[in-house]
Structure formats: C-alpha cells, structure tokens
N, C-alpha and C. Protein backbone atom coordinates (compact mmCIF):
# COMPACT_ATOMS: atom_id res chain seq x y z
N MET A 1 -83.11 -121.72 43.38
CA MET A 1 -83.03 -123.15 42.92
C MET A 1 -81.58 -123.45 41.91
N SER A 2 -81.19 -124.62 42.26
CA SER A 2 -79.99 -125.02 41.48
C SER A 2 -80.36 -125.34 40.18
N LYS A 3 -81.44 -125.97 39.92
CA LYS A 3 -81.69 -126.30 38.55
C LYS A 3 -83.05 -125.57 38.13
N PRO A 4 -83.30 -124.93 37.22
CA PRO A 4 -84.49 -124.24 37.01
C PRO A 4 -85.68 -125.12 36.74
N ASP A 5 -86.67 -124.83 37.41
CA ASP A 5 -87.97 -125.41 37.16
C ASP A 5 -88.45 -125.66 35.62
N GLU A 6 -88.54 -126.88 35.28
CA GLU A 6 -88.89 -126.93 33.96
C GLU A 6 -90.36 -126.46 33.48
N LEU A 7 -91.18 -126.44 34.37
CA LEU A 7 -92.50 -125.83 33.97
C LEU A 7 -92.46 -124.35 33.87
N LEU A 8 -91.70 -123.77 34.80
CA LEU A 8 -91.39 -122.34 34.65
C LEU A 8 -90.72 -121.90 33.38
N VAL A 9 -89.72 -122.68 33.04
CA VAL A 9 -89.06 -122.49 31.83
C VAL A 9 -89.92 -122.70 30.64
N ASP A 10 -90.96 -123.69 30.57
CA ASP A 10 -91.97 -123.80 29.53
C ASP A 10 -92.84 -122.84 29.52
N ILE A 11 -93.25 -122.07 30.71
CA ILE A 11 -94.07 -120.98 30.79
C ILE A 11 -93.39 -119.84 30.11
N ALA A 12 -92.08 -119.50 30.36
CA ALA A 12 -91.31 -118.35 29.79
C ALA A 12 -91.15 -118.74 28.28
N SER A 13 -91.06 -119.89 27.88
CA SER A 13 -90.97 -120.35 26.60
C SER A 13 -92.08 -120.00 25.70
N ARG A 14 -93.25 -120.34 26.39
CA ARG A 14 -94.55 -120.04 25.73
C ARG A 14 -94.77 -118.50 25.49
N VAL A 15 -94.53 -117.91 26.64
CA VAL A 15 -94.61 -116.22 26.55
C VAL A 15 -93.78 -115.75 25.38
N GLU A 16 -92.47 -116.36 25.25
CA GLU A 16 -91.73 -115.91 24.03
C GLU A 16 -92.46 -116.20 22.68
N SER A 17 -92.88 -117.44 22.47
CA SER A 17 -93.27 -117.89 21.28
C SER A 17 -94.50 -117.40 20.88
N GLU A 18 -95.40 -117.21 21.80
CA GLU A 18 -96.68 -116.54 21.60
C GLU A 18 -96.78 -115.04 21.59
N ARG A 19 -95.58 -114.49 21.76
CA ARG A 19 -95.34 -112.96 21.99
C ARG A 19 -96.52 -112.26 22.84
N SER A 20 -96.69 -113.01 23.89
CA SER A 20 -97.88 -112.42 24.80
C SER A 20 -97.48 -111.89 26.04
N ASN A 21 -98.13 -110.86 26.48
CA ASN A 21 -97.92 -110.21 27.84
C ASN A 21 -99.00 -110.43 28.78
N GLN A 22 -99.79 -111.36 28.54
CA GLN A 22 -100.96 -111.55 29.45
C GLN A 22 -100.82 -112.52 30.50
N MET A 23 -99.70 -113.27 30.67
CA MET A 23 -99.39 -114.31 31.77
C MET A 23 -99.22 -113.56 32.99
N SER A 24 -99.95 -113.68 33.91
CA SER A 24 -99.57 -113.16 35.49
C SER A 24 -99.05 -114.23 36.03
N LEU A 25 -97.87 -113.75 37.04
CA LEU A 25 -97.00 -114.81 37.61
C LEU A 25 -96.57 -114.21 39.02
N THR A 26 -96.47 -114.76 40.12
CA THR A 26 -95.81 -114.37 41.11
C THR A 26 -94.81 -115.32 41.48
N VAL A 27 -93.45 -114.57 41.92
CA VAL A 27 -92.45 -115.41 42.12
C VAL A 27 -91.76 -114.91 43.32
N VAL A 28 -90.94 -115.80 44.13
CA VAL A 28 -90.07 -115.52 45.35
C VAL A 28 -88.75 -115.86 44.90
N VAL A 29 -87.89 -114.55 45.03
CA VAL A 29 -86.61 -114.74 44.68
C VAL A 29 -85.78 -114.05 45.78
N GLN A 30 -85.08 -115.01 46.40
CA GLN A 30 -84.31 -114.64 47.73
C GLN A 30 -85.17 -113.76 48.55
N GLY A 31 -86.19 -114.12 48.89
CA GLY A 31 -86.95 -113.57 49.89
C GLY A 31 -87.85 -112.38 49.53
N ALA A 32 -87.66 -111.94 48.10
CA ALA A 32 -88.47 -110.97 47.58
C ALA A 32 -89.63 -111.59 46.80
N VAL A 33 -90.76 -110.94 46.99
CA VAL A 33 -92.05 -111.41 46.32
C VAL A 33 -92.56 -110.47 45.11
N ILE A 34 -92.21 -110.98 43.95
CA ILE A 34 -92.38 -110.02 42.72
C ILE A 34 -93.77 -110.77 42.05
N THR A 35 -94.68 -109.86 41.89
CA THR A 35 -95.82 -110.27 41.21
C THR A 35 -96.14 -109.32 39.94
N GLY A 36 -96.64 -109.77 38.94
CA GLY A 36 -96.89 -109.05 37.77
C GLY A 36 -97.17 -109.95 36.47
N ARG A 37 -97.14 -109.22 35.36
CA ARG A 37 -97.37 -109.92 34.12
C ARG A 37 -95.88 -110.20 33.47
N LEU A 38 -95.88 -111.30 32.78
CA LEU A 38 -94.47 -111.66 31.88
C LEU A 38 -94.71 -110.76 30.55
N ALA A 39 -93.57 -110.63 30.11
CA ALA A 39 -93.44 -109.96 28.66
C ALA A 39 -92.49 -110.85 28.04
N PRO A 40 -92.55 -110.79 26.62
CA PRO A 40 -91.56 -111.30 25.78
C PRO A 40 -90.21 -110.51 26.03
N GLU A 41 -89.11 -110.99 25.97
CA GLU A 41 -87.89 -110.38 26.17
C GLU A 41 -87.75 -109.07 25.27
N ALA A 42 -88.00 -109.35 24.01
CA ALA A 42 -87.89 -108.14 23.21
C ALA A 42 -88.79 -106.99 23.46
N VAL A 43 -89.94 -107.22 23.84
CA VAL A 43 -90.87 -106.37 24.45
C VAL A 43 -90.35 -105.65 25.64
N TRP A 44 -89.98 -106.32 26.59
CA TRP A 44 -89.31 -105.83 27.80
C TRP A 44 -88.18 -104.83 27.49
N HIS A 45 -87.40 -105.28 26.62
CA HIS A 45 -86.10 -104.39 26.25
C HIS A 45 -86.80 -103.27 25.70
N GLN A 46 -87.62 -103.09 24.67
CA GLN A 46 -88.12 -102.14 24.05
C GLN A 46 -88.73 -101.19 25.08
N ARG A 47 -89.63 -101.60 26.18
CA ARG A 47 -90.18 -100.68 26.90
C ARG A 47 -89.32 -99.99 28.03
N VAL A 48 -88.25 -100.90 28.31
CA VAL A 48 -87.26 -100.31 29.07
C VAL A 48 -86.52 -99.24 28.37
N ALA A 49 -86.15 -99.25 27.19
CA ALA A 49 -85.35 -98.51 26.20
C ALA A 49 -86.35 -97.11 26.25
N GLU A 50 -87.62 -97.19 25.96
CA GLU A 50 -88.49 -96.07 25.87
C GLU A 50 -88.53 -95.34 27.13
N VAL A 51 -88.49 -95.85 28.26
CA VAL A 51 -88.32 -95.18 29.68
C VAL A 51 -87.15 -94.37 29.76
N LEU A 52 -86.08 -95.11 29.39
CA LEU A 52 -84.73 -94.68 29.73
C LEU A 52 -84.52 -93.43 28.60
N GLU A 53 -85.08 -93.64 27.50
CA GLU A 53 -84.93 -92.47 26.47
C GLU A 53 -85.52 -91.09 26.88
N GLY A 54 -86.54 -91.18 27.63
CA GLY A 54 -87.32 -90.11 28.09
C GLY A 54 -86.68 -89.45 29.25
N SER A 55 -85.63 -90.17 29.81
CA SER A 55 -85.04 -89.57 30.96
C SER A 55 -83.70 -88.52 30.62
N GLU A 56 -83.67 -87.40 31.27
CA GLU A 56 -82.51 -86.66 31.10
C GLU A 56 -81.18 -87.26 31.42
N ARG A 57 -81.12 -87.82 32.60
CA ARG A 57 -80.03 -88.27 33.23
C ARG A 57 -79.64 -89.74 32.77
N LEU A 58 -80.52 -90.49 32.27
CA LEU A 58 -80.23 -91.92 31.92
C LEU A 58 -80.58 -92.26 30.35
N GLY A 59 -80.75 -91.09 29.61
CA GLY A 59 -81.04 -91.44 28.18
C GLY A 59 -79.89 -92.18 27.43
N ALA A 60 -78.60 -91.91 27.84
CA ALA A 60 -77.68 -92.55 27.29
C ALA A 60 -77.66 -94.33 27.27
N PHE A 61 -78.35 -94.68 28.28
CA PHE A 61 -78.51 -96.25 28.55
C PHE A 61 -79.30 -96.82 27.59
N SER A 62 -80.32 -95.99 27.01
CA SER A 62 -81.42 -96.57 26.32
C SER A 62 -81.00 -97.46 25.08
N ALA A 63 -79.78 -97.16 24.61
CA ALA A 63 -79.29 -97.96 23.50
C ALA A 63 -78.87 -99.41 23.96
N LEU A 64 -78.55 -99.49 25.13
CA LEU A 64 -78.32 -100.91 25.64
C LEU A 64 -79.39 -101.79 25.66
N PHE A 65 -80.53 -101.18 25.69
CA PHE A 65 -81.80 -102.11 25.91
C PHE A 65 -82.53 -102.04 24.45
N SER A 66 -82.21 -101.15 23.57
CA SER A 66 -82.77 -101.07 22.30
C SER A 66 -82.15 -102.24 21.38
N HIS A 67 -80.87 -102.46 21.52
CA HIS A 67 -80.20 -103.43 20.72
C HIS A 67 -79.20 -104.10 21.63
N PRO A 68 -79.75 -104.84 22.77
CA PRO A 68 -78.75 -105.65 23.66
C PRO A 68 -77.69 -106.52 23.02
N ALA A 69 -76.63 -106.59 23.18
CA ALA A 69 -75.47 -107.34 22.57
C ALA A 69 -75.75 -108.57 21.93
N GLY A 70 -76.31 -108.27 20.71
CA GLY A 70 -76.49 -109.50 19.82
C GLY A 70 -77.87 -110.20 20.09
N LYS A 71 -78.58 -109.70 20.92
CA LYS A 71 -80.02 -110.40 21.20
C LYS A 71 -80.93 -109.95 20.21
N THR A 72 -81.85 -110.83 19.90
CA THR A 72 -83.01 -110.43 19.00
C THR A 72 -84.26 -110.48 20.09
N GLY A 73 -84.18 -110.89 21.41
CA GLY A 73 -85.55 -111.04 22.12
C GLY A 73 -85.57 -112.40 22.51
N ALA A 74 -85.97 -113.26 21.58
CA ALA A 74 -86.18 -114.63 21.83
C ALA A 74 -84.79 -115.48 21.98
N PRO A 75 -84.72 -116.51 22.80
CA PRO A 75 -83.52 -117.28 22.81
C PRO A 75 -83.38 -117.76 21.36
N GLU A 76 -82.00 -118.02 21.15
CA GLU A 76 -81.52 -118.57 19.89
C GLU A 76 -81.93 -120.02 19.78
N GLY A 77 -82.56 -120.35 18.53
CA GLY A 77 -82.80 -121.85 18.29
C GLY A 77 -83.59 -122.39 19.42
N ASP A 78 -83.35 -123.61 19.83
CA ASP A 78 -83.92 -124.57 20.89
C ASP A 78 -83.43 -123.99 22.30
N GLU A 79 -82.76 -122.96 22.55
CA GLU A 79 -82.01 -122.46 23.76
C GLU A 79 -83.34 -122.08 24.62
N PRO A 80 -83.55 -122.86 25.80
CA PRO A 80 -84.68 -122.27 26.46
C PRO A 80 -84.35 -120.83 27.29
N PRO A 81 -85.31 -120.08 27.60
CA PRO A 81 -85.19 -118.90 28.22
C PRO A 81 -84.52 -119.02 29.60
N THR A 82 -83.73 -118.09 29.97
CA THR A 82 -82.90 -118.26 31.21
C THR A 82 -83.52 -117.00 32.16
N HIS A 83 -84.25 -116.14 31.70
CA HIS A 83 -85.00 -115.16 32.57
C HIS A 83 -86.43 -114.93 32.39
N LEU A 84 -87.16 -114.43 33.32
CA LEU A 84 -88.30 -113.97 33.35
C LEU A 84 -88.48 -112.53 33.16
N HIS A 85 -89.19 -111.78 32.36
CA HIS A 85 -89.24 -110.47 32.22
C HIS A 85 -90.61 -109.94 32.60
N PHE A 86 -90.66 -109.40 33.70
CA PHE A 86 -91.95 -108.90 34.27
C PHE A 86 -92.05 -107.25 33.76
N HIS A 87 -93.37 -107.05 33.45
CA HIS A 87 -93.66 -105.64 33.34
C HIS A 87 -95.20 -105.43 34.11
N VAL A 88 -95.39 -104.21 34.49
CA VAL A 88 -96.49 -103.88 35.28
C VAL A 88 -96.54 -104.80 36.49
N ALA A 89 -95.28 -104.89 37.02
CA ALA A 89 -94.95 -105.51 38.23
C ALA A 89 -94.66 -104.91 39.46
N ARG A 90 -95.01 -105.58 40.61
CA ARG A 90 -94.60 -104.90 41.90
C ARG A 90 -93.78 -105.86 42.89
N ILE A 91 -92.99 -105.27 43.57
CA ILE A 91 -92.35 -105.84 44.67
C ILE A 91 -93.36 -105.88 45.85
N LEU A 92 -93.63 -106.93 46.51
CA LEU A 92 -94.63 -106.99 47.59
C LEU A 92 -93.79 -106.89 48.99
N GLN A 93 -94.24 -105.73 49.60
CA GLN A 93 -93.58 -105.64 50.80
C GLN A 93 -94.76 -105.35 51.87
N GLY A 94 -95.07 -106.18 52.95
CA GLY A 94 -96.21 -106.10 53.74
C GLY A 94 -97.48 -106.01 52.97
N SER A 95 -98.17 -105.05 53.30
CA SER A 95 -99.59 -104.85 52.59
C SER A 95 -99.35 -103.90 51.27
N ILE A 96 -98.15 -103.46 50.90
CA ILE A 96 -98.11 -102.68 49.62
C ILE A 96 -97.21 -103.40 48.70
N GLY A 97 -97.57 -102.72 47.39
CA GLY A 97 -96.60 -103.04 46.26
C GLY A 97 -95.84 -102.05 45.66
N ILE A 98 -94.43 -102.04 45.62
CA ILE A 98 -93.86 -101.30 45.09
C ILE A 98 -93.23 -101.33 43.64
N PRO A 99 -93.20 -100.41 42.73
CA PRO A 99 -93.92 -99.19 42.87
C PRO A 99 -95.45 -99.46 42.63
N GLU A 100 -96.32 -98.57 43.06
CA GLU A 100 -97.78 -98.60 42.90
C GLU A 100 -98.12 -98.93 41.46
N THR A 101 -97.43 -97.94 40.57
CA THR A 101 -97.90 -97.99 39.28
C THR A 101 -97.26 -99.30 38.48
N GLY A 102 -96.48 -100.18 39.09
CA GLY A 102 -95.99 -101.18 38.30
C GLY A 102 -94.44 -101.01 37.77
N GLY A 103 -93.50 -101.85 37.85
CA GLY A 103 -92.36 -101.61 37.39
C GLY A 103 -92.12 -102.75 36.33
N MET A 104 -90.65 -102.73 35.91
CA MET A 104 -90.20 -103.76 35.16
C MET A 104 -89.04 -104.32 35.80
N TYR A 105 -89.05 -105.73 35.84
CA TYR A 105 -88.08 -106.59 36.40
C TYR A 105 -87.58 -107.69 35.64
N ARG A 106 -86.29 -107.90 35.69
CA ARG A 106 -85.94 -109.18 35.00
C ARG A 106 -85.32 -110.13 36.09
N VAL A 107 -85.76 -111.54 36.21
CA VAL A 107 -85.28 -112.29 37.17
C VAL A 107 -84.88 -113.63 36.52
N ALA A 108 -83.74 -114.05 37.11
CA ALA A 108 -83.08 -115.39 36.48
C ALA A 108 -83.97 -116.59 37.11
N ILE A 109 -84.31 -117.29 36.02
CA ILE A 109 -85.18 -118.45 36.32
C ILE A 109 -84.57 -119.21 37.53
N LYS A 110 -83.35 -119.51 37.41
CA LYS A 110 -82.61 -120.41 38.38
C LYS A 110 -82.69 -119.94 39.77
N ASP A 111 -82.98 -118.65 40.01
CA ASP A 111 -83.04 -118.01 41.29
C ASP A 111 -84.34 -117.92 41.83
N VAL A 112 -85.52 -118.40 41.13
CA VAL A 112 -86.65 -118.56 41.56
C VAL A 112 -86.84 -119.65 42.59
N GLY A 113 -87.25 -119.34 43.76
CA GLY A 113 -87.50 -120.40 44.85
C GLY A 113 -89.01 -121.04 44.87
N ALA A 114 -89.86 -120.08 44.61
CA ALA A 114 -91.18 -120.62 44.50
C ALA A 114 -92.02 -119.60 43.63
N TRP A 115 -93.15 -120.19 43.05
CA TRP A 115 -93.84 -119.30 42.21
C TRP A 115 -95.35 -119.77 42.15
N THR A 116 -96.22 -119.07 41.67
CA THR A 116 -97.64 -119.47 41.45
C THR A 116 -98.17 -118.62 40.28
N VAL A 117 -99.16 -119.18 39.64
CA VAL A 117 -99.77 -118.42 38.57
C VAL A 117 -100.79 -117.41 39.10
N GLY A 118 -100.76 -116.03 38.55
CA GLY A 118 -101.54 -115.12 39.15
C GLY A 118 -100.73 -114.08 39.69
N ASP A 119 -101.69 -112.84 39.92
CA ASP A 119 -100.90 -111.64 40.36
C ASP A 119 -101.50 -111.35 41.55
N PHE A 120 -100.86 -110.89 42.62
CA PHE A 120 -101.37 -110.85 43.90
C PHE A 120 -101.47 -109.05 43.76
N SER A 121 -102.50 -108.77 44.67
CA SER A 121 -102.81 -107.35 44.85
C SER A 121 -103.57 -107.17 46.30
N TYR A 122 -103.03 -105.98 46.76
CA TYR A 122 -103.87 -105.83 48.03
C TYR A 122 -104.74 -104.74 48.10
N SER A 123 -105.70 -104.65 49.10
CA SER A 123 -106.73 -103.56 49.02
C SER A 123 -106.75 -103.16 50.55
N ASP A 124 -107.09 -101.85 50.76
CA ASP A 124 -107.22 -101.34 51.87
C ASP A 124 -108.54 -101.58 52.58
N HIS A 125 -109.56 -102.30 51.65
CA HIS A 125 -110.87 -102.38 52.31
C HIS A 125 -110.96 -103.83 53.01
C-alpha cells in the first residue's frame, strides 16, 4: 500500500497503548501470508534480545534489540506506529505454517496489501 491503512495503524496504536499481546492478525505482505499475535514494540524487542542472547553465534546482536537506537518501544508523542510486531507468528505456505512453534516478525504497515483479524491455522484432520 502506498498509504498505510488507517484502521491498521489504529490497531497497532491500540496494541502499543494497551501494552497488549492478545490481538491476532493475519496480513499479506508482497505475497507472503503472516499470521499471529501482535505485540507492543518494546515487548517484541525484549523477546528478540532474549532469544539472541541465548545464542552462541548471535549473542552480540542482542544489544541492538535491548536498546534500539534511542527507541523506548512506543512511538514518540502522537507519532503513529509504522510497523507491526508479530510474535508467536507463522508464515503460511500451502497447508503449513513456518516455523511450527511461531516466530517473531516485524512488518512495515505501509507494505501490508491485505489483512484480517484472526490467526489462521491448519490441521491435518
């Protein structure tokens, strides 16, 4: 999208202001379908930092997420969010979601071409 969907920006703002990670959303970004729960930016950064910290090869990168360049997590003042922060999320491909356990994705709101409320999952049954 050339101009971010205002309703999607409002949803992201509410996730930030309520500090909630219970909003499930599915988005289409350049042909990829991502489904999962939204998290406030600060919570997402903290979780990514924790995962990286536990990695022997990637531990040095955890500091970038612990204290991202002057960011506190929530947008400054009345500045609307520019990204969605997914956790426990999957990229849907065919009848499977990758990774099965869920991952953490950051998506620019302006790049979302379509979206729906809810989390899609598949079953073999």
